[in-house]
Amino acid sequence: MTKHTHSNLSRRERQIMDIIYRRAQATAMEMMENLPDPPSYSAVRAMLRLLEEKGYLKHQQDGLRYVYLPTLSREKARQSALKQMLQTFFEDSTEDAVATLLDISKSKLSKADLDRLSKLIDKARKEGR
């Protein structure tokens, strides 16, 4: 199984993974119904098979159709993607990454969002991180 990071995926493969995570599972036909400007059915099947070979998806047979599911939970996929982003763009600096996120999101953060972030920081301080 390959390292699970969405940076190794094409745009269309990322779209498929986003749909899988949103729906929890999907058939090739359901995938086509949810993809923007979908390719042919056989192209979708080929992409699903490739994602399965790469280790991102698994399938279960339901009668004549395959139902595809992610091999990693959404939370583990998020952690893996963020770890990769930290290493690639922030030299493993969580502080720099959070500062950048706050800078680009400052106009979108509500008081409740800021309070939640403050509590998470306080919790991290207490845990000695």
Protein backbone atom coordinates (compact mmCIF):
# COMPACT_ATOMS: atom_id res chain seq x y z
CA MET A 1 0.00 0.00 0.00
CA THR A 2 1.31 3.44 -0.88
CA LYS A 3 1.68 6.37 1.45
CA HIS A 4 -1.73 8.01 1.82
CA THR A 5 -1.39 11.61 0.79
CA HIS A 6 -3.71 13.44 -1.55
CA SER A 7 -0.72 15.23 -3.07
CA ASN A 8 -0.04 11.98 -4.98
CA LEU A 9 -3.47 12.14 -6.63
CA SER A 10 -4.62 13.78 -9.84
CA ARG A 11 -7.34 16.43 -9.71
CA ARG A 12 -9.98 13.89 -10.76
CA GLU A 13 -8.75 11.32 -8.22
CA ARG A 14 -9.01 13.96 -5.47
CA GLN A 15 -12.56 14.71 -6.61
CA ILE A 16 -13.40 11.00 -6.33
CA MET A 17 -11.87 10.76 -2.85
CA ASP A 18 -13.81 13.87 -1.75
CA ILE A 19 -17.04 12.25 -2.93
CA ILE A 20 -16.18 8.96 -1.19
CA TYR A 21 -15.50 10.79 2.09
CA ARG A 22 -18.67 12.86 1.77
CA ARG A 23 -20.85 9.82 1.03
CA ALA A 24 -18.87 7.19 3.05
CA GLN A 25 -19.25 4.81 0.08
CA ALA A 26 -20.26 4.94 -3.57
CA THR A 27 -20.69 2.84 -6.69
CA ALA A 28 -19.20 3.87 -10.03
CA MET A 29 -22.63 5.12 -11.16
CA GLU A 30 -23.11 7.17 -7.98
CA MET A 31 -19.64 8.58 -8.54
CA MET A 32 -20.56 9.68 -12.06
CA GLU A 33 -23.69 11.38 -10.73
CA ASN A 34 -21.59 13.41 -8.28
CA LEU A 35 -18.54 14.26 -10.40
CA PRO A 36 -18.44 17.62 -12.14
CA ASP A 37 -18.28 17.10 -15.93
CA PRO A 38 -17.99 13.31 -15.48
CA PRO A 39 -15.96 11.19 -17.88
CA SER A 40 -17.36 7.96 -19.32
CA TYR A 41 -18.51 5.14 -17.05
CA SER A 42 -15.53 3.00 -18.08
CA ALA A 43 -13.13 5.89 -17.26
CA VAL A 44 -14.69 6.23 -13.79
CA ARG A 45 -14.35 2.47 -13.25
CA ALA A 46 -10.70 2.64 -14.33
CA MET A 47 -10.01 5.50 -11.89
CA LEU A 48 -11.71 3.62 -9.05
CA ARG A 49 -9.65 0.53 -9.84
CA LEU A 50 -6.46 2.64 -9.90
CA LEU A 51 -7.32 4.23 -6.53
CA GLU A 52 -7.88 0.74 -5.17
CA GLU A 53 -4.48 -0.38 -6.50
CA LYS A 54 -2.87 2.68 -4.89
CA GLY A 55 -4.44 1.67 -1.58
CA TYR A 56 -6.91 4.54 -1.17
CA LEU A 57 -10.08 2.53 -1.78
CA LYS A 58 -11.41 -0.95 -1.20
CA HIS A 59 -14.60 -2.46 -2.53
CA GLN A 60 -17.39 -4.73 -1.40
CA GLN A 61 -19.54 -6.62 -3.84
CA ASP A 62 -23.27 -5.90 -3.67
CA GLY A 63 -24.90 -8.21 -6.18
CA LEU A 64 -23.39 -7.33 -9.54
CA ARG A 65 -22.01 -3.97 -8.50
CA TYR A 66 -18.98 -2.87 -6.52
CA VAL A 67 -19.41 -0.45 -3.65
CA TYR A 68 -16.22 1.52 -2.96
CA LEU A 69 -15.12 2.67 0.50
CA PRO A 70 -12.04 4.54 1.73
CA THR A 71 -9.28 2.50 3.35
CA LEU A 72 -8.47 5.33 5.78
CA SER A 73 -10.90 7.28 7.90
CA ARG A 74 -11.38 10.90 6.92
CA GLU A 75 -9.59 11.95 10.12
CA LYS A 76 -6.50 9.83 9.36
CA ALA A 77 -6.46 11.12 5.77
CA ARG A 78 -6.63 14.70 7.08
CA GLN A 79 -3.77 14.09 9.47
CA SER A 80 -1.66 12.52 6.74
CA ALA A 81 -2.34 15.40 4.34
CA LEU A 82 -1.56 18.00 6.99
CA LYS A 83 1.64 16.22 8.00
CA GLN A 84 2.74 16.20 4.36
CA MET A 85 1.87 19.90 4.01
CA LEU A 86 3.77 20.77 7.22
CA GLN A 87 6.87 18.98 5.95
CA THR A 88 6.67 20.38 2.43
CA PHE A 89 5.72 24.01 3.02
CA PHE A 90 6.42 24.82 6.68
CA GLU A 91 9.58 22.84 7.53
CA ASP A 92 7.57 20.91 10.16
CA SER A 93 6.62 24.15 11.95
CA THR A 94 3.10 23.89 13.32
CA GLU A 95 3.40 27.48 14.54
CA ASP A 96 4.12 28.78 11.02
CA ALA A 97 1.27 26.76 9.54
CA VAL A 98 -1.24 27.98 12.14
CA ALA A 99 -0.05 31.58 11.72
CA THR A 100 -0.56 31.30 7.96
CA LEU A 101 -4.02 29.78 8.39
CA LEU A 102 -5.00 32.52 10.81
CA ASP A 103 -3.66 35.19 8.45
CA ILE A 104 -5.67 33.96 5.46
CA SER A 105 -8.79 33.19 7.54
CA LYS A 106 -8.90 36.17 9.92
CA SER A 107 -11.89 37.83 8.27
CA LYS A 108 -13.84 34.55 8.26
CA LEU A 109 -13.31 33.59 11.91
CA SER A 110 -16.17 34.28 14.29
CA LYS A 111 -15.74 35.02 17.99
CA ALA A 112 -16.84 31.42 18.67
CA ASP A 113 -14.14 30.13 16.27
CA LEU A 114 -11.48 32.22 18.01
CA ASP A 115 -12.67 31.08 21.44
CA ARG A 116 -12.46 27.43 20.33
CA LEU A 117 -8.94 27.95 19.00
CA SER A 118 -7.93 29.66 22.22
CA LYS A 119 -9.23 26.70 24.24
CA LEU A 120 -7.30 24.26 22.05
CA ILE A 121 -4.11 26.27 22.60
CA ASP A 122 -4.73 26.35 26.36
CA LYS A 123 -5.28 22.59 26.34
CA ALA A 124 -2.03 22.03 24.42
CA ARG A 125 -0.17 24.20 26.96
CA LYS A 126 -1.54 22.14 29.84
CA GLU A 127 -0.53 18.90 28.14
CA GLY A 128 3.03 20.24 27.86
CA ARG A 129 3.29 20.31 24.09
